[in-house]
Amino acid sequence: MQKNMGSADKIIRYILAAVFFYLYFTGAVTGIIGIILLILGIAFVVTSLVGFCGLYKILGISTCPAPKQ
C-alpha cells in the first residue's frame, strides 16, 4: 500500500475521531447514529495510523506531498 494521506489530513481525521468518540462515550449521541459515529471514528484512527485511505485510492486522490526528485 502506497501512502496517500498527508499530515494535515491525518490531523483532521484524529480531531474528528476524538469528537466522535466524545459524543458517543458521553451519551450525547446514541442509537444507530452513535454506532455509526463510533465506527467512523475507529476507521479515521486506523487510516491515519496506516497513512492509507482506500476511498482515496478508488477516487484517485492523494493528499501526500509529492516526493522530491
Protein backbone atom coordinates (compact mmCIF):
# COMPACT_ATOMS: atom_id res chain seq x y z
CA MET A 1 0.00 0.00 0.00
CA GLN A 2 1.38 3.33 -1.02
CA LYS A 3 0.63 6.14 1.42
CA ASN A 4 -1.89 8.63 0.09
CA MET A 5 -2.60 10.81 3.15
CA GLY A 6 -0.74 13.95 4.13
CA SER A 7 -0.14 15.18 7.67
CA ALA A 8 -2.93 17.80 7.59
CA ASP A 9 -5.41 15.12 6.53
CA LYS A 10 -4.26 12.86 9.36
CA ILE A 11 -4.64 15.63 11.96
CA ILE A 12 -8.15 16.45 10.75
CA ARG A 13 -9.11 12.77 10.97
CA TYR A 14 -7.70 12.47 14.51
CA ILE A 15 -9.68 15.53 15.61
CA LEU A 16 -12.89 14.22 14.04
CA ALA A 17 -12.34 10.81 15.63
CA ALA A 18 -11.85 12.43 19.04
CA VAL A 19 -15.10 14.39 18.61
CA PHE A 20 -16.98 11.27 17.52
CA PHE A 21 -15.62 9.28 20.48
CA TYR A 22 -16.52 12.08 22.88
CA LEU A 23 -20.07 12.30 21.56
CA TYR A 24 -20.54 8.53 21.75
CA PHE A 25 -18.96 7.86 25.14
CA THR A 26 -20.65 10.81 26.89
CA GLY A 27 -24.03 9.64 25.62
CA ALA A 28 -24.68 12.80 23.61
CA VAL A 29 -25.34 10.63 20.56
CA THR A 30 -26.92 7.21 20.98
CA GLY A 31 -28.55 4.50 18.92
CA ILE A 32 -27.69 3.79 15.32
CA ILE A 33 -26.17 7.24 14.76
CA GLY A 34 -23.90 6.73 17.77
CA ILE A 35 -22.71 3.37 16.48
CA ILE A 36 -22.07 4.84 13.02
CA LEU A 37 -20.02 7.66 14.56
CA LEU A 38 -18.06 5.15 16.64
CA ILE A 39 -17.25 3.05 13.56
CA LEU A 40 -16.27 6.16 11.58
CA GLY A 41 -14.02 7.29 14.43
CA ILE A 42 -12.27 3.92 14.51
CA ALA A 43 -11.85 3.98 10.72
CA PHE A 44 -10.40 7.51 10.87
CA VAL A 45 -7.85 6.49 13.51
CA VAL A 46 -6.81 3.32 11.67
CA THR A 47 -6.43 5.05 8.29
CA SER A 48 -4.45 7.87 9.91
CA LEU A 49 -2.09 5.43 11.61
CA VAL A 50 -1.54 3.49 8.39
CA GLY A 51 -1.42 6.58 6.15
CA PHE A 52 -3.60 4.94 3.51
CA CYS A 53 -7.25 5.52 2.64
CA GLY A 54 -8.93 3.00 0.35
CA LEU A 55 -11.57 5.50 -0.73
CA TYR A 56 -8.83 7.93 -1.80
CA LYS A 57 -7.30 5.13 -3.88
CA ILE A 58 -10.61 4.44 -5.63
CA LEU A 59 -11.19 8.15 -6.33
CA GLY A 60 -7.57 8.78 -7.36
CA ILE A 61 -6.96 11.32 -4.59
CA SER A 62 -3.69 11.81 -2.74
CA THR A 63 -3.03 14.43 -0.07
CA CYS A 64 0.56 13.26 0.33
CA PRO A 65 3.17 15.79 -0.76
CA ALA A 66 4.92 14.90 -4.00
CA PRO A 67 8.27 13.16 -3.44
CA LYS A 68 11.31 15.32 -4.10
CA GLN A 69 13.39 14.24 -7.05
